[in-house]
C-alpha atoms as a PDB file:
ATOM      1  CA  MET A   1      12.687 -66.853  27.258  1.00  0.00           C
ATOM      2  CA  THR A   2      16.120 -67.256  25.729  1.00  0.00           C
ATOM      3  CA  PRO A   3      17.867 -64.441  23.817  1.00  0.00           C
ATOM      4  CA  PHE A   4      19.882 -64.948  20.626  1.00  0.00           C
ATOM      5  CA  VAL A   5      22.190 -62.780  18.502  1.00  0.00           C
ATOM      6  CA  LEU A   6      23.432 -63.362  14.965  1.00  0.00           C
ATOM      7  CA  THR A   7      26.688 -61.584  14.193  1.00  0.00           C
ATOM      8  CA  GLY A   8      27.816 -60.139  10.874  1.00  0.00           C
ATOM      9  CA  THR A   9      26.273 -61.923   7.930  1.00  0.00           C
ATOM     10  CA  GLU A  10      25.278 -65.087   9.831  1.00  0.00           C
ATOM     11  CA  THR A  11      21.963 -66.475   8.683  1.00  0.00           C
ATOM     12  CA  GLN A  12      21.649 -69.169  11.345  1.00  0.00           C
ATOM     13  CA  ILE A  13      22.760 -69.898  14.882  1.00  0.00           C
ATOM     14  CA  ASN A  14      22.304 -72.727  17.384  1.00  0.00           C
ATOM     15  CA  VAL A  15      20.774 -71.825  20.746  1.00  0.00           C
ATOM     16  CA  ASN A  16      20.924 -74.066  23.826  1.00  0.00           C
ATOM     17  CA  VAL A  17      17.888 -74.179  26.092  1.00  0.00           C
ATOM     18  CA  ASN A  18      18.776 -75.420  29.594  1.00  0.00           C
ATOM     19  CA  PHE A  19      16.130 -76.958  31.842  1.00  0.00           C
ATOM     20  CA  ASP A  20      15.867 -76.381  35.599  1.00  0.00           C
ATOM     21  CA  GLU A  21      15.121 -80.083  36.089  1.00  0.00           C
ATOM     22  CA  PRO A  22      16.144 -82.944  33.794  1.00  0.00           C
ATOM     23  CA  PHE A  23      13.570 -84.949  31.902  1.00  0.00           C
ATOM     24  CA  ALA A  24      13.352 -88.730  32.396  1.00  0.00           C
ATOM     25  CA  ASP A  25      14.549 -89.257  28.811  1.00  0.00           C
ATOM     26  CA  ILE A  26      14.529 -87.440  25.482  1.00  0.00           C
ATOM     27  CA  ASN A  27      10.853 -88.213  24.814  1.00  0.00           C
ATOM     28  CA  TYR A  28       9.549 -84.761  25.694  1.00  0.00           C
ATOM     29  CA  VAL A  29       8.003 -82.031  23.585  1.00  0.00           C
ATOM     30  CA  ILE A  30       9.596 -78.609  23.219  1.00  0.00           C
ATOM     31  CA  VAL A  31       7.898 -75.784  21.340  1.00  0.00           C
ATOM     32  CA  GLY A  32       9.449 -72.406  20.603  1.00  0.00           C
ATOM     33  CA  MET A  33       8.491 -69.199  18.898  1.00  0.00           C
ATOM     34  CA  SER A  34      10.173 -65.876  18.259  1.00  0.00           C
ATOM     35  CA  ASN A  35       9.188 -62.330  19.009  1.00  0.00           C
ATOM     36  CA  ASN A  36       9.682 -61.640  15.260  1.00  0.00           C
ATOM     37  CA  LEU A  37       8.323 -63.384  12.151  1.00  0.00           C
ATOM     38  CA  GLY A  38      11.729 -63.047  10.461  1.00  0.00           C
ATOM     39  CA  PHE A  39      13.162 -66.028  12.367  1.00  0.00           C
ATOM     40  CA  GLN A  40      12.366 -69.725  12.008  1.00  0.00           C
ATOM     41  CA  PHE A  41      13.230 -72.438  14.560  1.00  0.00           C
ATOM     42  CA  SER A  42      13.948 -76.155  14.359  1.00  0.00           C
ATOM     43  CA  ILE A  43      14.927 -78.666  17.025  1.00  0.00           C
ATOM     44  CA  LYS A  44      18.484 -79.749  16.302  1.00  0.00           C
ATOM     45  CA  SER A  45      18.978 -82.093  19.290  1.00  0.00           C
ATOM     46  CA  GLN A  46      17.316 -83.110  22.545  1.00  0.00           C
ATOM     47  CA  HIS A  47      18.949 -84.287  25.769  1.00  0.00           C
ATOM     48  CA  LYS A  48      17.640 -84.781  29.306  1.00  0.00           C
ATOM     49  CA  HIS A  49      19.097 -81.476  30.588  1.00  0.00           C
ATOM     50  CA  THR A  50      19.057 -79.347  27.459  1.00  0.00           C
ATOM     51  CA  ALA A  51      17.773 -78.932  23.926  1.00  0.00           C
ATOM     52  CA  GLU A  52      19.485 -77.283  20.997  1.00  0.00           C
ATOM     53  CA  LEU A  53      17.384 -75.133  18.685  1.00  0.00           C
ATOM     54  CA  GLU A  54      18.524 -73.862  15.305  1.00  0.00           C
ATOM     55  CA  VAL A  55      17.504 -70.283  14.531  1.00  0.00           C
ATOM     56  CA  VAL A  56      17.374 -69.309  10.854  1.00  0.00           C
ATOM     57  CA  ARG A  57      16.997 -65.684   9.771  1.00  0.00           C
ATOM     58  CA  GLN A  58      14.673 -65.370   6.787  1.00  0.00           C
ATOM     59  CA  PRO A  59      16.016 -63.530   3.695  1.00  0.00           C
ATOM     60  CA  ASP A  60      13.693 -60.537   4.128  1.00  0.00           C
ATOM     61  CA  CYS A  61      14.611 -60.013   7.819  1.00  0.00           C
ATOM     62  CA  ASN A  62      17.209 -57.369   8.687  1.00  0.00           C
ATOM     63  CA  LEU A  63      17.225 -57.940  12.462  1.00  0.00           C
ATOM     64  CA  SER A  64      20.187 -59.630  14.106  1.00  0.00           C
ATOM     65  CA  TYR A  65      18.704 -60.467  17.527  1.00  0.00           C
ATOM     66  CA  GLY A  66      15.577 -61.694  19.213  1.00  0.00           C
ATOM     67  CA  PHE A  67      14.070 -63.901  21.888  1.00  0.00           C
ATOM     68  CA  ILE A  68      12.795 -67.460  21.841  1.00  0.00           C
ATOM     69  CA  SER A  69       9.761 -68.077  24.014  1.00  0.00           C
ATOM     70  CA  TRP A  70       9.680 -71.803  24.681  1.00  0.00           C
ATOM     71  CA  ILE A  71       7.987 -74.480  26.724  1.00  0.00           C
ATOM     72  CA  ALA A  72       9.005 -78.108  27.226  1.00  0.00           C
ATOM     73  CA  VAL A  73       6.637 -80.789  28.532  1.00  0.00           C
ATOM     74  CA  GLY A  74       7.308 -84.390  29.512  1.00  0.00           C
ATOM     75  CA  PRO A  75       7.991 -86.720  32.443  1.00  0.00           C
ATOM     76  CA  CYS A  76      10.821 -85.616  34.751  1.00  0.00           C
ATOM     77  CA  SER A  77      13.317 -87.991  36.313  1.00  0.00           C
END
């Protein structure tokens, strides 16, 4: 799990997910979900050691924080 916080009137933030072991290349799958329906996630970039997810707060959501539960699967180096 990775926490995130949006400050002030931010509607989106980028969150880095760091892996314990690097993947062989960027051809792995990462899936994430939030503990609240008011946030949507997209993969912004993938690297061997980390992935960057974009968190977008939906217009009807008044929360400014949450957690991403994620899993990444693929061949390790």
